[in-house]
Amino acid sequence: MSRLNDFLIKWFTNSSTDKDEREKIQLNERLANMYMITTILIALLLLLSVIDIIHTKQIMMTHVAVFILFFGLNIISLVIMGKGGLDHSRVNSKAEYRHLIKKYAVICIGFAIYFGLALFGLDLLFDAVGGIKTYGGNPINYIVGGIVMGILIYIMRVVKIKKEY
């Protein structure tokens, strides 16, 4: 662990003594879980901010701050994960590779359906709150949007597979 990490753990836990390895692992695991939960809550707060913007037809500094915080945290996470090579999936055989490809295909089909339904839901929400039709209620737009996002996510996942055979 780095000195900065040790300092931050001491500061965050209000402790002046060093932690042993077991305590550091537990703290890092719990802090990582807290980070992921916080990111999800910030995403929900961002959605509420968008609804408030539509309803009041005003953008406030708090809306901008939530937007910057959410996307800043995500960009930092992506950079850290990418630099450490932590965003790659490793496979040791062709069979494992084929299994992972099929798994990613199923996941991305599910994501495409989810994304299309989310677009539809947001369209209904925006129409109800502010009278705004984002996609005009045309189901083809939701289907195409879902398919495009599903394909992009699939490509991003397949590119990050590391073959170690």
N, C-alpha and C. Protein backbone atom coordinates (compact mmCIF):
# COMPACT_ATOMS: atom_id res chain seq x y z
N MET A 1 0.83 -1.18 0.00
CA MET A 1 0.00 0.00 0.00
C MET A 1 0.88 1.25 0.00
N SER A 2 0.39 2.27 -0.63
CA SER A 2 1.16 3.50 -0.71
C SER A 2 1.03 4.30 0.58
N ARG A 3 1.92 5.22 0.74
CA ARG A 3 1.88 6.08 1.92
C ARG A 3 0.62 6.93 1.90
N LEU A 4 0.23 7.38 0.70
CA LEU A 4 -0.99 8.17 0.59
C LEU A 4 -2.20 7.35 1.03
N ASN A 5 -2.26 6.09 0.59
CA ASN A 5 -3.36 5.21 0.97
C ASN A 5 -3.39 5.01 2.49
N ASP A 6 -2.21 4.77 3.08
CA ASP A 6 -2.14 4.61 4.54
C ASP A 6 -2.62 5.87 5.25
N PHE A 7 -2.18 7.04 4.77
CA PHE A 7 -2.59 8.30 5.37
C PHE A 7 -4.10 8.49 5.26
N LEU A 8 -4.66 8.21 4.07
CA LEU A 8 -6.10 8.38 3.88
C LEU A 8 -6.91 7.42 4.74
N ILE A 9 -6.43 6.20 4.90
CA ILE A 9 -7.14 5.24 5.76
C ILE A 9 -7.12 5.71 7.21
N LYS A 10 -5.97 6.19 7.67
CA LYS A 10 -5.90 6.72 9.04
C LYS A 10 -6.84 7.91 9.21
N TRP A 11 -6.85 8.79 8.24
CA TRP A 11 -7.69 9.98 8.32
C TRP A 11 -9.17 9.60 8.27
N PHE A 12 -9.53 8.70 7.37
CA PHE A 12 -10.93 8.32 7.19
C PHE A 12 -11.47 7.56 8.40
N THR A 13 -10.62 6.75 9.03
CA THR A 13 -11.07 5.94 10.17
C THR A 13 -10.81 6.60 11.51
N ASN A 14 -10.28 7.81 11.51
CA ASN A 14 -9.94 8.53 12.74
C ASN A 14 -8.99 7.72 13.62
N SER A 15 -8.02 7.12 13.01
CA SER A 15 -7.06 6.29 13.73
C SER A 15 -5.67 6.87 13.56
N SER A 16 -4.89 6.80 14.62
CA SER A 16 -3.52 7.30 14.51
C SER A 16 -2.51 6.15 14.42
N THR A 17 -2.98 4.92 14.56
CA THR A 17 -2.07 3.78 14.50
C THR A 17 -2.15 3.11 13.13
N ASP A 18 -1.07 2.42 12.79
CA ASP A 18 -1.04 1.68 11.53
C ASP A 18 -1.95 0.46 11.61
N LYS A 19 -2.52 0.11 10.49
CA LYS A 19 -3.37 -1.08 10.40
C LYS A 19 -2.52 -2.26 9.93
N ASP A 20 -2.84 -3.46 10.41
CA ASP A 20 -2.15 -4.63 9.88
C ASP A 20 -2.78 -5.00 8.53
N GLU A 21 -2.19 -5.96 7.85
CA GLU A 21 -2.63 -6.29 6.48
C GLU A 21 -4.09 -6.74 6.44
N ARG A 22 -4.51 -7.54 7.41
CA ARG A 22 -5.89 -8.01 7.44
C ARG A 22 -6.86 -6.84 7.56
N GLU A 23 -6.56 -5.90 8.44
CA GLU A 23 -7.41 -4.73 8.61
C GLU A 23 -7.42 -3.86 7.36
N LYS A 24 -6.26 -3.72 6.71
CA LYS A 24 -6.19 -2.93 5.48
C LYS A 24 -7.03 -3.55 4.38
N ILE A 25 -6.97 -4.88 4.26
CA ILE A 25 -7.76 -5.57 3.23
C ILE A 25 -9.25 -5.38 3.50
N GLN A 26 -9.65 -5.55 4.76
CA GLN A 26 -11.06 -5.37 5.12
C GLN A 26 -11.52 -3.94 4.87
N LEU A 27 -10.70 -2.98 5.26
CA LEU A 27 -11.06 -1.58 5.04
C LEU A 27 -11.17 -1.26 3.56
N ASN A 28 -10.19 -1.71 2.78
CA ASN A 28 -10.23 -1.45 1.34
C ASN A 28 -11.45 -2.08 0.69
N GLU A 29 -11.82 -3.29 1.13
CA GLU A 29 -13.00 -3.95 0.59
C GLU A 29 -14.27 -3.17 0.94
N ARG A 30 -14.38 -2.76 2.18
CA ARG A 30 -15.57 -2.01 2.61
C ARG A 30 -15.63 -0.64 1.95
N LEU A 31 -14.49 0.02 1.84
CA LEU A 31 -14.47 1.33 1.19
C LEU A 31 -14.80 1.21 -0.29
N ALA A 32 -14.35 0.14 -0.94
CA ALA A 32 -14.70 -0.08 -2.35
C ALA A 32 -16.20 -0.29 -2.50
N ASN A 33 -16.80 -1.07 -1.59
CA ASN A 33 -18.25 -1.26 -1.63
C ASN A 33 -18.98 0.06 -1.40
N MET A 34 -18.49 0.86 -0.45
CA MET A 34 -19.11 2.17 -0.21
C MET A 34 -19.01 3.05 -1.45
N TYR A 35 -17.88 2.99 -2.14
CA TYR A 35 -17.69 3.79 -3.35
C TYR A 35 -18.70 3.39 -4.42
N MET A 36 -18.88 2.08 -4.60
CA MET A 36 -19.83 1.63 -5.63
C MET A 36 -21.26 2.03 -5.28
N ILE A 37 -21.64 1.89 -4.01
CA ILE A 37 -22.98 2.29 -3.59
C ILE A 37 -23.16 3.79 -3.76
N THR A 38 -22.14 4.56 -3.40
CA THR A 38 -22.20 6.02 -3.54
C THR A 38 -22.34 6.42 -5.01
N THR A 39 -21.64 5.74 -5.90
CA THR A 39 -21.74 6.04 -7.33
C THR A 39 -23.16 5.79 -7.83
N ILE A 40 -23.78 4.70 -7.39
CA ILE A 40 -25.16 4.42 -7.78
C ILE A 40 -26.10 5.49 -7.24
N LEU A 41 -25.90 5.90 -6.00
CA LEU A 41 -26.75 6.94 -5.41
C LEU A 41 -26.57 8.28 -6.12
N ILE A 42 -25.35 8.58 -6.53
CA ILE A 42 -25.10 9.82 -7.27
C ILE A 42 -25.79 9.76 -8.63
N ALA A 43 -25.81 8.58 -9.27
CA ALA A 43 -26.52 8.42 -10.55
C ALA A 43 -28.01 8.69 -10.36
N LEU A 44 -28.58 8.18 -9.28
CA LEU A 44 -30.00 8.45 -8.99
C LEU A 44 -30.23 9.93 -8.72
N LEU A 45 -29.31 10.55 -8.00
CA LEU A 45 -29.40 11.98 -7.75
C LEU A 45 -29.31 12.77 -9.05
N LEU A 46 -28.48 12.31 -9.97
CA LEU A 46 -28.37 12.95 -11.28
C LEU A 46 -29.69 12.85 -12.04
N LEU A 47 -30.35 11.69 -11.97
CA LEU A 47 -31.66 11.54 -12.60
C LEU A 47 -32.67 12.50 -11.98
N LEU A 48 -32.66 12.62 -10.66
CA LEU A 48 -33.56 13.57 -10.00
C LEU A 48 -33.24 15.01 -10.42
N SER A 49 -31.96 15.31 -10.60
CA SER A 49 -31.57 16.64 -11.07
C SER A 49 -32.11 16.92 -12.46
N VAL A 50 -32.04 15.91 -13.35
CA VAL A 50 -32.57 16.08 -14.71
C VAL A 50 -34.07 16.31 -14.65
N ILE A 51 -34.76 15.55 -13.81
CA ILE A 51 -36.21 15.75 -13.66
C ILE A 51 -36.50 17.15 -13.14
N ASP A 52 -35.71 17.63 -12.18
CA ASP A 52 -35.91 18.97 -11.64
C ASP A 52 -35.64 20.03 -12.71
N ILE A 53 -34.62 19.82 -13.54
CA ILE A 53 -34.33 20.77 -14.62
C ILE A 53 -35.51 20.84 -15.58
N ILE A 54 -36.06 19.70 -15.93
CA ILE A 54 -37.20 19.68 -16.85
C ILE A 54 -38.41 20.35 -16.22
N HIS A 55 -38.64 20.07 -14.95
CA HIS A 55 -39.82 20.61 -14.27
C HIS A 55 -39.73 22.13 -14.08
N THR A 56 -38.57 22.61 -13.61
CA THR A 56 -38.43 24.04 -13.33
C THR A 56 -37.91 24.83 -14.52
N LYS A 57 -37.40 24.12 -15.54
CA LYS A 57 -36.81 24.76 -16.73
C LYS A 57 -35.66 25.70 -16.35
N GLN A 58 -34.91 25.31 -15.31
CA GLN A 58 -33.75 26.07 -14.86
C GLN A 58 -32.62 25.10 -14.52
N ILE A 59 -31.41 25.50 -14.86
CA ILE A 59 -30.24 24.73 -14.45
C ILE A 59 -29.57 25.48 -13.32
N MET A 60 -29.42 24.80 -12.18
CA MET A 60 -28.79 25.41 -11.02
C MET A 60 -27.38 24.86 -10.84
N MET A 61 -26.61 25.52 -10.03
CA MET A 61 -25.23 25.11 -9.79
C MET A 61 -25.18 23.70 -9.19
N THR A 62 -26.15 23.34 -8.36
CA THR A 62 -26.15 22.00 -7.77
C THR A 62 -26.32 20.93 -8.84
N HIS A 63 -27.12 21.22 -9.87
CA HIS A 63 -27.28 20.27 -10.97
C HIS A 63 -25.95 20.05 -11.69
N VAL A 64 -25.27 21.14 -11.95
CA VAL A 64 -23.97 21.06 -12.63
C VAL A 64 -22.96 20.31 -11.76
N ALA A 65 -22.99 20.59 -10.45
CA ALA A 65 -22.05 19.93 -9.53
C ALA A 65 -22.28 18.42 -9.49
N VAL A 66 -23.54 17.99 -9.45
CA VAL A 66 -23.84 16.55 -9.44
C VAL A 66 -23.37 15.92 -10.74
N PHE A 67 -23.61 16.59 -11.86
CA PHE A 67 -23.17 16.10 -13.17
C PHE A 67 -21.65 15.94 -13.21
N ILE A 68 -20.93 16.97 -12.79
CA ILE A 68 -19.46 16.93 -12.80
C ILE A 68 -18.95 15.85 -11.85
N LEU A 69 -19.54 15.75 -10.67
CA LEU A 69 -19.12 14.73 -9.71
C LEU A 69 -19.31 13.33 -10.26
N PHE A 70 -20.48 13.05 -10.84
CA PHE A 70 -20.77 11.71 -11.35
C PHE A 70 -19.83 11.34 -12.49
N PHE A 71 -19.72 12.19 -13.48
CA PHE A 71 -18.88 11.85 -14.62
C PHE A 71 -17.39 11.92 -14.28
N GLY A 72 -17.01 12.80 -13.37
CA GLY A 72 -15.62 12.84 -12.93
C GLY A 72 -15.22 11.56 -12.23
N LEU A 73 -16.06 11.07 -11.31
CA LEU A 73 -15.78 9.81 -10.62
C LEU A 73 -15.68 8.65 -11.60
N ASN A 74 -16.58 8.62 -12.59
CA ASN A 74 -16.56 7.53 -13.55
C ASN A 74 -15.33 7.58 -14.45
N ILE A 75 -14.93 8.76 -14.87
CA ILE A 75 -13.73 8.88 -15.71
C ILE A 75 -12.49 8.47 -14.92
N ILE A 76 -12.40 8.94 -13.67
CA ILE A 76 -11.26 8.56 -12.83
C ILE A 76 -11.23 7.05 -12.63
N SER A 77 -12.39 6.45 -12.38
CA SER A 77 -12.45 4.99 -12.20
C SER A 77 -11.99 4.26 -13.45
N LEU A 78 -12.45 4.71 -14.62
CA LEU A 78 -12.05 4.07 -15.87
C LEU A 78 -10.55 4.18 -16.10
N VAL A 79 -9.98 5.34 -15.81
CA VAL A 79 -8.54 5.53 -16.00
C VAL A 79 -7.75 4.64 -15.05
N ILE A 80 -8.15 4.60 -13.78
CA ILE A 80 -7.44 3.78 -12.80
C ILE A 80 -7.54 2.30 -13.16
N MET A 81 -8.73 1.86 -13.54
CA MET A 81 -8.92 0.45 -13.91
C MET A 81 -8.12 0.12 -15.17
N GLY A 82 -8.11 1.03 -16.13
CA GLY A 82 -7.37 0.79 -17.37
C GLY A 82 -5.87 0.75 -17.16
N LYS A 83 -5.34 1.67 -16.35
CA LYS A 83 -3.90 1.69 -16.09
C LYS A 83 -3.43 0.43 -15.39
N GLY A 84 -4.26 -0.09 -14.50
CA GLY A 84 -3.88 -1.29 -13.77
C GLY A 84 -4.20 -2.57 -14.51
N GLY A 85 -4.83 -2.46 -15.67
CA GLY A 85 -5.24 -3.64 -16.42
C GLY A 85 -6.32 -4.44 -15.71
N LEU A 86 -7.07 -3.77 -14.84
CA LEU A 86 -8.09 -4.45 -14.05
C LEU A 86 -9.41 -4.60 -14.79
N ASP A 87 -9.51 -4.00 -15.96
CA ASP A 87 -10.77 -4.05 -16.72
C ASP A 87 -10.74 -5.13 -17.79
N HIS A 88 -9.74 -5.99 -17.77
CA HIS A 88 -9.62 -7.06 -18.76
C HIS A 88 -10.10 -8.39 -18.17
N SER A 89 -10.66 -9.23 -19.04
CA SER A 89 -11.03 -10.60 -18.66
C SER A 89 -9.98 -11.52 -19.26
N ARG A 90 -9.46 -12.43 -18.47
CA ARG A 90 -8.43 -13.34 -18.94
C ARG A 90 -9.03 -14.73 -19.17
N VAL A 91 -8.66 -15.33 -20.31
CA VAL A 91 -9.10 -16.69 -20.61
C VAL A 91 -7.88 -17.56 -20.88
N ASN A 92 -7.99 -18.84 -20.53
CA ASN A 92 -6.85 -19.75 -20.64
C ASN A 92 -7.03 -20.83 -21.70
N SER A 93 -8.18 -20.86 -22.37
CA SER A 93 -8.39 -21.87 -23.41
C SER A 93 -9.42 -21.35 -24.42
N LYS A 94 -9.46 -22.01 -25.58
CA LYS A 94 -10.44 -21.62 -26.60
C LYS A 94 -11.87 -21.86 -26.12
N ALA A 95 -12.06 -22.95 -25.38
CA ALA A 95 -13.39 -23.26 -24.85
C ALA A 95 -13.85 -22.17 -23.87
N GLU A 96 -12.94 -21.74 -23.02
CA GLU A 96 -13.25 -20.67 -22.07
C GLU A 96 -13.54 -19.36 -22.82
N TYR A 97 -12.78 -19.11 -23.90
CA TYR A 97 -13.00 -17.92 -24.72
C TYR A 97 -14.39 -17.95 -25.35
N ARG A 98 -14.76 -19.09 -25.96
CA ARG A 98 -16.08 -19.22 -26.59
C ARG A 98 -17.20 -19.05 -25.57
N HIS A 99 -17.00 -19.64 -24.38
CA HIS A 99 -17.99 -19.51 -23.32
C HIS A 99 -18.17 -18.04 -22.91
N LEU A 100 -17.05 -17.32 -22.79
CA LEU A 100 -17.11 -15.91 -22.40
C LEU A 100 -17.77 -15.07 -23.49
N ILE A 101 -17.49 -15.37 -24.76
CA ILE A 101 -18.12 -14.66 -25.87
C ILE A 101 -19.64 -14.85 -25.83
N LYS A 102 -20.07 -16.10 -25.61
CA LYS A 102 -21.51 -16.37 -25.52
C LYS A 102 -22.13 -15.65 -24.33
N LYS A 103 -21.42 -15.67 -23.21
CA LYS A 103 -21.90 -15.00 -22.01
C LYS A 103 -22.05 -13.50 -22.26
N TYR A 104 -21.05 -12.90 -22.91
CA TYR A 104 -21.12 -11.47 -23.23
C TYR A 104 -22.27 -11.17 -24.19
N ALA A 105 -22.52 -12.06 -25.14
CA ALA A 105 -23.62 -11.86 -26.08
C ALA A 105 -24.95 -11.82 -25.34
N VAL A 106 -25.14 -12.75 -24.42
CA VAL A 106 -26.39 -12.78 -23.64
C VAL A 106 -26.51 -11.53 -22.77
N ILE A 107 -25.42 -11.16 -22.12
CA ILE A 107 -25.43 -9.96 -21.27
C ILE A 107 -25.76 -8.73 -22.10
N CYS A 108 -25.18 -8.61 -23.28
CA CYS A 108 -25.39 -7.43 -24.12
C CYS A 108 -26.79 -7.40 -24.73
N ILE A 109 -27.37 -8.56 -25.01
CA ILE A 109 -28.77 -8.60 -25.46
C ILE A 109 -29.66 -8.09 -24.33
N GLY A 110 -29.39 -8.55 -23.11
CA GLY A 110 -30.14 -8.05 -21.96
C GLY A 110 -29.96 -6.56 -21.77
N PHE A 111 -28.72 -6.08 -21.95
CA PHE A 111 -28.47 -4.65 -21.81
C PHE A 111 -29.18 -3.86 -22.90
N ALA A 112 -29.23 -4.38 -24.12
CA ALA A 112 -29.92 -3.70 -25.22
C ALA A 112 -31.40 -3.55 -24.90
N ILE A 113 -32.01 -4.62 -24.38
CA ILE A 113 -33.42 -4.56 -24.00
C ILE A 113 -33.61 -3.55 -22.87
N TYR A 114 -32.74 -3.62 -21.87
CA TYR A 114 -32.81 -2.67 -20.75
C TYR A 114 -32.67 -1.23 -21.23
N PHE A 115 -31.71 -0.98 -22.11
CA PHE A 115 -31.47 0.38 -22.59
C PHE A 115 -32.68 0.90 -23.37
N GLY A 116 -33.25 0.06 -24.24
CA GLY A 116 -34.44 0.47 -24.98
C GLY A 116 -35.61 0.77 -24.06
N LEU A 117 -35.81 -0.08 -23.04
CA LEU A 117 -36.88 0.17 -22.08
C LEU A 117 -36.61 1.42 -21.24
N ALA A 118 -35.33 1.65 -20.90
CA ALA A 118 -34.97 2.84 -20.14
C ALA A 118 -35.24 4.10 -20.96
N LEU A 119 -34.92 4.07 -22.26
CA LEU A 119 -35.24 5.21 -23.13
C LEU A 119 -36.74 5.47 -23.15
N PHE A 120 -37.51 4.39 -23.28
CA PHE A 120 -38.97 4.52 -23.29
C PHE A 120 -39.47 5.09 -21.96
N GLY A 121 -38.94 4.57 -20.85
CA GLY A 121 -39.34 5.06 -19.53
C GLY A 121 -38.98 6.52 -19.32
N LEU A 122 -37.78 6.91 -19.75
CA LEU A 122 -37.38 8.31 -19.62
C LEU A 122 -38.25 9.21 -20.49
N ASP A 123 -38.60 8.73 -21.67
CA ASP A 123 -39.48 9.50 -22.55
C ASP A 123 -40.83 9.73 -21.87
N LEU A 124 -41.38 8.68 -21.26
CA LEU A 124 -42.64 8.82 -20.54
C LEU A 124 -42.50 9.78 -19.37
N LEU A 125 -41.38 9.66 -18.63
CA LEU A 125 -41.14 10.52 -17.48
C LEU A 125 -41.00 11.98 -17.90
N PHE A 126 -40.20 12.24 -18.93
CA PHE A 126 -40.00 13.61 -19.39
C PHE A 126 -41.30 14.21 -19.92
N ASP A 127 -42.10 13.39 -20.58
CA ASP A 127 -43.39 13.86 -21.09
C ASP A 127 -44.32 14.20 -19.93
N ALA A 128 -44.32 13.37 -18.89
CA ALA A 128 -45.20 13.60 -17.74
C ALA A 128 -44.77 14.81 -16.93
N VAL A 129 -43.47 14.98 -16.76
CA VAL A 129 -42.97 16.07 -15.91
C VAL A 129 -42.93 17.40 -16.64
N GLY A 130 -42.44 17.40 -17.87
CA GLY A 130 -42.24 18.68 -18.54
C GLY A 130 -42.87 18.81 -19.90
N GLY A 131 -43.61 17.81 -20.34
CA GLY A 131 -44.23 17.88 -21.66
C GLY A 131 -43.24 17.77 -22.79
N ILE A 132 -42.09 17.12 -22.54
CA ILE A 132 -41.05 17.00 -23.56
C ILE A 132 -41.08 15.60 -24.14
N LYS A 133 -41.18 15.51 -25.46
CA LYS A 133 -41.09 14.22 -26.16
C LYS A 133 -39.69 14.11 -26.74
N THR A 134 -38.87 13.23 -26.19
CA THR A 134 -37.49 13.12 -26.66
C THR A 134 -37.38 12.26 -27.91
N TYR A 135 -38.13 11.18 -27.99
CA TYR A 135 -38.07 10.29 -29.14
C TYR A 135 -39.38 10.24 -29.90
N GLY A 136 -40.33 11.06 -29.52
CA GLY A 136 -41.58 11.12 -30.24
C GLY A 136 -42.47 9.91 -30.07
N GLY A 137 -42.16 9.03 -29.14
CA GLY A 137 -42.99 7.88 -28.88
C GLY A 137 -42.89 6.78 -29.92
N ASN A 138 -41.96 6.87 -30.86
CA ASN A 138 -41.81 5.87 -31.90
C ASN A 138 -40.99 4.69 -31.36
N PRO A 139 -41.58 3.50 -31.28
CA PRO A 139 -40.87 2.34 -30.71
C PRO A 139 -39.60 1.97 -31.49
N ILE A 140 -39.56 2.27 -32.78
CA ILE A 140 -38.36 1.95 -33.58
C ILE A 140 -37.15 2.68 -33.02
N ASN A 141 -37.34 3.91 -32.56
CA ASN A 141 -36.22 4.67 -31.99
C ASN A 141 -35.65 3.98 -30.76
N TYR A 142 -36.53 3.46 -29.90
CA TYR A 142 -36.07 2.77 -28.69
C TYR A 142 -35.35 1.46 -29.06
N ILE A 143 -35.90 0.75 -30.03
CA ILE A 143 -35.30 -0.52 -30.45
C ILE A 143 -33.93 -0.29 -31.07
N VAL A 144 -33.83 0.68 -31.97
CA VAL A 144 -32.54 0.98 -32.62
C VAL A 144 -31.53 1.46 -31.58
N GLY A 145 -31.95 2.34 -30.67
CA GLY A 145 -31.04 2.81 -29.62
C GLY A 145 -30.53 1.66 -28.76
N GLY A 146 -31.43 0.75 -28.40
CA GLY A 146 -31.02 -0.42 -27.61
C GLY A 146 -30.06 -1.31 -28.36
N ILE A 147 -30.34 -1.57 -29.64
CA ILE A 147 -29.46 -2.43 -30.44
C ILE A 147 -28.08 -1.81 -30.59
N VAL A 148 -28.03 -0.52 -30.89
CA VAL A 148 -26.74 0.16 -31.06
C VAL A 148 -25.93 0.10 -29.76
N MET A 149 -26.56 0.39 -28.63
CA MET A 149 -25.84 0.34 -27.36
C MET A 149 -25.40 -1.08 -27.03
N GLY A 150 -26.26 -2.06 -27.29
CA GLY A 150 -25.90 -3.46 -27.05
C GLY A 150 -24.68 -3.88 -27.85
N ILE A 151 -24.65 -3.50 -29.13
CA ILE A 151 -23.51 -3.83 -30.00
C ILE A 151 -22.24 -3.14 -29.51
N LEU A 152 -22.35 -1.86 -29.15
CA LEU A 152 -21.17 -1.13 -28.66
C LEU A 152 -20.62 -1.74 -27.37
N ILE A 153 -21.50 -2.09 -26.45
CA ILE A 153 -21.06 -2.71 -25.20
C ILE A 153 -20.42 -4.07 -25.47
N TYR A 154 -20.99 -4.83 -26.39
CA TYR A 154 -20.43 -6.14 -26.76
C TYR A 154 -19.02 -5.97 -27.31
N ILE A 155 -18.85 -5.03 -28.22
CA ILE A 155 -17.53 -4.79 -28.81
C ILE A 155 -16.53 -4.37 -27.73
N MET A 156 -16.95 -3.47 -26.83
CA MET A 156 -16.06 -3.02 -25.76
C MET A 156 -15.64 -4.18 -24.86
N ARG A 157 -16.55 -5.09 -24.58
CA ARG A 157 -16.23 -6.23 -23.71
C ARG A 157 -15.31 -7.23 -24.42
N VAL A 158 -15.60 -7.52 -25.69
CA VAL A 158 -14.79 -8.51 -26.43
C VAL A 158 -13.37 -8.01 -26.63
N VAL A 159 -13.21 -6.72 -26.87
CA VAL A 159 -11.87 -6.15 -27.07
C VAL A 159 -11.02 -6.31 -25.81
N LYS A 160 -11.65 -6.34 -24.65
CA LYS A 160 -10.90 -6.40 -23.39
C LYS A 160 -10.66 -7.83 -22.90
N ILE A 161 -10.89 -8.81 -23.77
CA ILE A 161 -10.57 -10.19 -23.40
C ILE A 161 -9.10 -10.45 -23.72
N LYS A 162 -8.37 -10.93 -22.73
CA LYS A 162 -6.95 -11.26 -22.91
C LYS A 162 -6.82 -12.78 -23.01
N LYS A 163 -6.32 -13.22 -24.16
CA LYS A 163 -6.10 -14.66 -24.36
C LYS A 163 -4.74 -15.02 -23.79
N GLU A 164 -4.72 -15.96 -22.87
CA GLU A 164 -3.47 -16.40 -22.26
C GLU A 164 -3.21 -17.87 -22.59
N TYR A 165 -3.43 -18.23 -23.84
CA TYR A 165 -3.16 -19.61 -24.27
C TYR A 165 -2.42 -19.61 -25.56
